């Protein structure tokens, strides 16, 4: 799943990601950055992530600017 960082607090490591596909919001897992290349996140940063069994974002990887299935909207 790909999305963007909506918010991130480096002190508490709490954060929220928003999915590109359906704009759903996912809380970060407490271990979301462990084993990843990230030490911290910035708002608007693009990431690829998985969901853990509790529906929280985990296993963060670098995102892409390529459209990964964003829904089409009528203009």
Protein backbone atom coordinates (compact mmCIF):
# COMPACT_ATOMS: atom_id res chain seq x y z
CA UNK A 1 0.00 0.00 0.00
CA UNK A 2 1.30 3.50 -0.78
CA UNK A 3 0.43 6.76 0.90
CA UNK A 4 1.69 9.91 2.53
CA UNK A 5 2.62 10.87 6.06
CA UNK A 6 -0.21 12.97 7.46
CA UNK A 7 1.44 13.57 10.82
CA UNK A 8 4.40 12.33 12.85
CA UNK A 9 5.71 13.20 16.31
CA UNK A 10 9.38 12.15 16.67
CA UNK A 11 9.22 12.42 20.47
CA UNK A 12 6.43 9.86 20.86
CA UNK A 13 6.85 8.15 17.45
CA UNK A 14 3.08 8.46 16.96
CA UNK A 15 1.94 9.16 13.44
CA UNK A 16 -0.78 8.79 10.85
CA UNK A 17 -0.46 7.73 7.21
CA UNK A 18 -3.08 8.32 4.52
CA UNK A 19 -3.57 5.74 1.77
CA UNK A 20 -3.40 6.92 -1.85
CA UNK A 21 -6.13 4.51 -2.97
CA UNK A 22 -9.04 5.26 -0.65
CA UNK A 23 -7.68 8.10 1.52
CA UNK A 24 -8.12 5.93 4.63
CA UNK A 25 -5.96 6.90 7.61
CA UNK A 26 -3.77 4.40 9.43
CA UNK A 27 -1.99 4.89 12.74
CA UNK A 28 1.69 3.95 12.81
CA UNK A 29 2.60 0.75 14.59
CA UNK A 30 4.95 1.35 17.55
CA UNK A 31 7.62 -0.60 15.61
CA UNK A 32 6.90 0.94 12.20
CA UNK A 33 10.39 2.42 11.77
CA UNK A 34 12.36 -0.53 13.16
CA UNK A 35 14.42 -2.16 10.43
CA UNK A 36 13.52 0.56 7.91
CA UNK A 37 15.76 3.21 6.37
CA UNK A 38 13.81 5.91 8.19
CA UNK A 39 14.89 7.49 11.48
CA UNK A 40 11.98 9.92 11.40
CA UNK A 41 9.23 11.00 9.00
CA UNK A 42 8.07 14.36 7.68
CA UNK A 43 4.56 15.47 6.80
CA UNK A 44 3.80 14.86 3.12
CA UNK A 45 6.54 12.24 2.72
CA UNK A 46 5.55 9.38 0.40
CA UNK A 47 5.93 5.86 1.78
CA UNK A 48 4.97 2.30 0.98
CA UNK A 49 3.69 0.35 3.97
CA UNK A 50 2.01 -2.84 5.12
CA UNK A 51 -0.68 -3.28 7.75
CA UNK A 52 -0.15 -5.36 10.87
CA UNK A 53 -2.82 -7.60 12.41
CA UNK A 54 -4.24 -4.61 14.28
CA UNK A 55 -4.62 -2.51 11.11
CA UNK A 56 -1.68 -0.23 11.90
CA UNK A 57 0.92 0.85 9.33
CA UNK A 58 4.23 -0.99 9.57
CA UNK A 59 7.28 -2.05 7.49
CA UNK A 60 7.78 1.40 5.91
CA UNK A 61 9.69 1.74 2.63
CA UNK A 62 10.38 4.61 0.26
CA UNK A 63 7.35 5.72 -1.71
CA UNK A 64 7.09 6.78 -5.31
CA UNK A 65 5.63 9.73 -7.14
CA UNK A 66 4.12 7.27 -9.63
CA UNK A 67 0.34 6.95 -9.37
CA UNK A 68 -0.30 3.72 -7.49
CA UNK A 69 -4.02 3.49 -8.15
CA UNK A 70 -5.38 6.83 -7.03
CA UNK A 71 -9.09 6.88 -7.87
CA UNK A 72 -10.27 8.97 -10.79
CA UNK A 73 -12.48 11.92 -9.95
CA UNK A 74 -14.89 13.63 -12.30
CA UNK A 75 -14.13 17.25 -12.94
